[in-house]
Amino acid sequence: MTTTVSKVTTTAITTHSFSTLTTTVGLIAIGILIVLLVQKELLRAVGGPRAAAGARIVNAAIAPLLLTLFLTVIVRIVPLVHIV
């Protein structure tokens, strides 16, 4: 099973262009990030100890998505600026 998943993943990555891959990853990250930020604000508005615990869990999911979003933006901007 691991070999099949690895082969499928490799095929999906190699058959698409750089632009398509970064756009897709960026859009998915933005969509999930928006949903999680809305959920965090709703939990904060509810208040209480359970809501605070839920907000901490959502914060743990938001941090990697922000990193993914920033890396995607950097990867897309660097070729435009010709830094590297």
Protein backbone atom coordinates (compact mmCIF):
# COMPACT_ATOMS: atom_id res chain seq x y z
CA MET A 1 0.00 0.00 0.00
CA THR A 2 2.79 2.42 0.81
CA THR A 3 4.40 1.86 -2.59
CA THR A 4 1.09 2.57 -4.35
CA VAL A 5 0.52 5.79 -2.44
CA SER A 6 4.09 6.87 -3.06
CA LYS A 7 3.83 6.10 -6.79
CA VAL A 8 0.49 7.91 -7.10
CA THR A 9 1.86 10.92 -5.24
CA THR A 10 5.00 11.00 -7.38
CA THR A 11 2.97 10.73 -10.57
CA ALA A 12 0.60 13.50 -9.48
CA ILE A 13 3.47 15.83 -8.64
CA THR A 14 5.51 15.16 -11.79
CA THR A 15 2.61 15.48 -14.22
CA HIS A 16 1.60 18.97 -13.10
CA SER A 17 3.49 22.21 -13.56
CA PHE A 18 5.07 24.21 -10.75
CA SER A 19 2.47 26.94 -11.13
CA THR A 20 -0.43 24.50 -10.86
CA LEU A 21 1.00 22.80 -7.79
CA THR A 22 1.75 25.99 -5.87
CA THR A 23 -1.61 27.49 -6.79
CA THR A 24 -3.46 24.36 -5.67
CA VAL A 25 -1.58 24.08 -2.38
CA GLY A 26 -2.04 27.80 -1.73
CA LEU A 27 -5.77 27.74 -2.40
CA ILE A 28 -6.31 24.69 -0.22
CA ALA A 29 -4.27 26.25 2.61
CA ILE A 30 -6.18 29.53 2.35
CA GLY A 31 -9.55 27.76 2.39
CA ILE A 32 -8.74 25.62 5.42
CA LEU A 33 -7.14 28.58 7.18
CA ILE A 34 -10.25 30.73 6.72
CA VAL A 35 -12.47 27.95 8.08
CA LEU A 36 -10.22 27.45 11.11
CA LEU A 37 -9.99 31.19 11.83
CA VAL A 38 -13.78 31.48 11.73
CA GLN A 39 -14.07 28.47 14.02
CA LYS A 40 -11.56 30.00 16.43
CA GLU A 41 -13.53 33.27 16.58
CA LEU A 42 -16.79 31.39 17.15
CA LEU A 43 -15.18 29.45 20.00
CA ARG A 44 -13.81 32.66 21.48
CA ALA A 45 -17.25 34.26 21.30
CA VAL A 46 -18.87 31.33 23.10
CA GLY A 47 -16.41 31.46 25.99
CA GLY A 48 -16.08 28.93 28.77
CA PRO A 49 -13.44 26.32 29.56
CA ARG A 50 -14.43 23.89 26.79
CA ALA A 51 -14.37 26.65 24.20
CA ALA A 52 -10.93 27.75 25.43
CA ALA A 53 -9.64 24.19 25.08
CA GLY A 54 -11.11 24.00 21.59
CA ALA A 55 -9.48 27.30 20.64
CA ARG A 56 -6.09 25.95 21.75
CA ILE A 57 -6.58 22.91 19.54
CA VAL A 58 -7.55 25.10 16.59
CA ASN A 59 -4.45 27.25 17.23
CA ALA A 60 -2.33 24.12 16.85
CA ALA A 61 -3.84 23.55 13.42
CA ILE A 62 -3.57 27.20 12.34
CA ALA A 63 0.20 27.51 12.88
CA PRO A 64 1.30 24.95 10.23
CA LEU A 65 -1.22 26.34 7.76
CA LEU A 66 0.19 29.84 8.20
CA LEU A 67 3.67 28.44 7.56
CA THR A 68 2.41 26.67 4.43
CA LEU A 69 0.73 29.85 3.22
CA PHE A 70 3.83 31.99 3.80
CA LEU A 71 6.09 29.45 2.09
CA THR A 72 3.76 29.25 -0.89
CA VAL A 73 3.72 33.04 -1.21
CA ILE A 74 7.50 33.21 -0.95
CA VAL A 75 7.95 30.46 -3.54
CA ARG A 76 5.65 32.33 -5.91
CA ILE A 77 7.24 35.78 -5.36
CA VAL A 78 10.95 34.84 -5.48
CA PRO A 79 10.93 34.15 -9.26
CA LEU A 80 9.20 37.46 -9.87
CA VAL A 81 11.82 39.43 -7.92
CA HIS A 82 14.78 37.41 -9.33
CA ILE A 83 16.49 37.19 -5.93
CA VAL A 84 17.75 33.65 -6.46
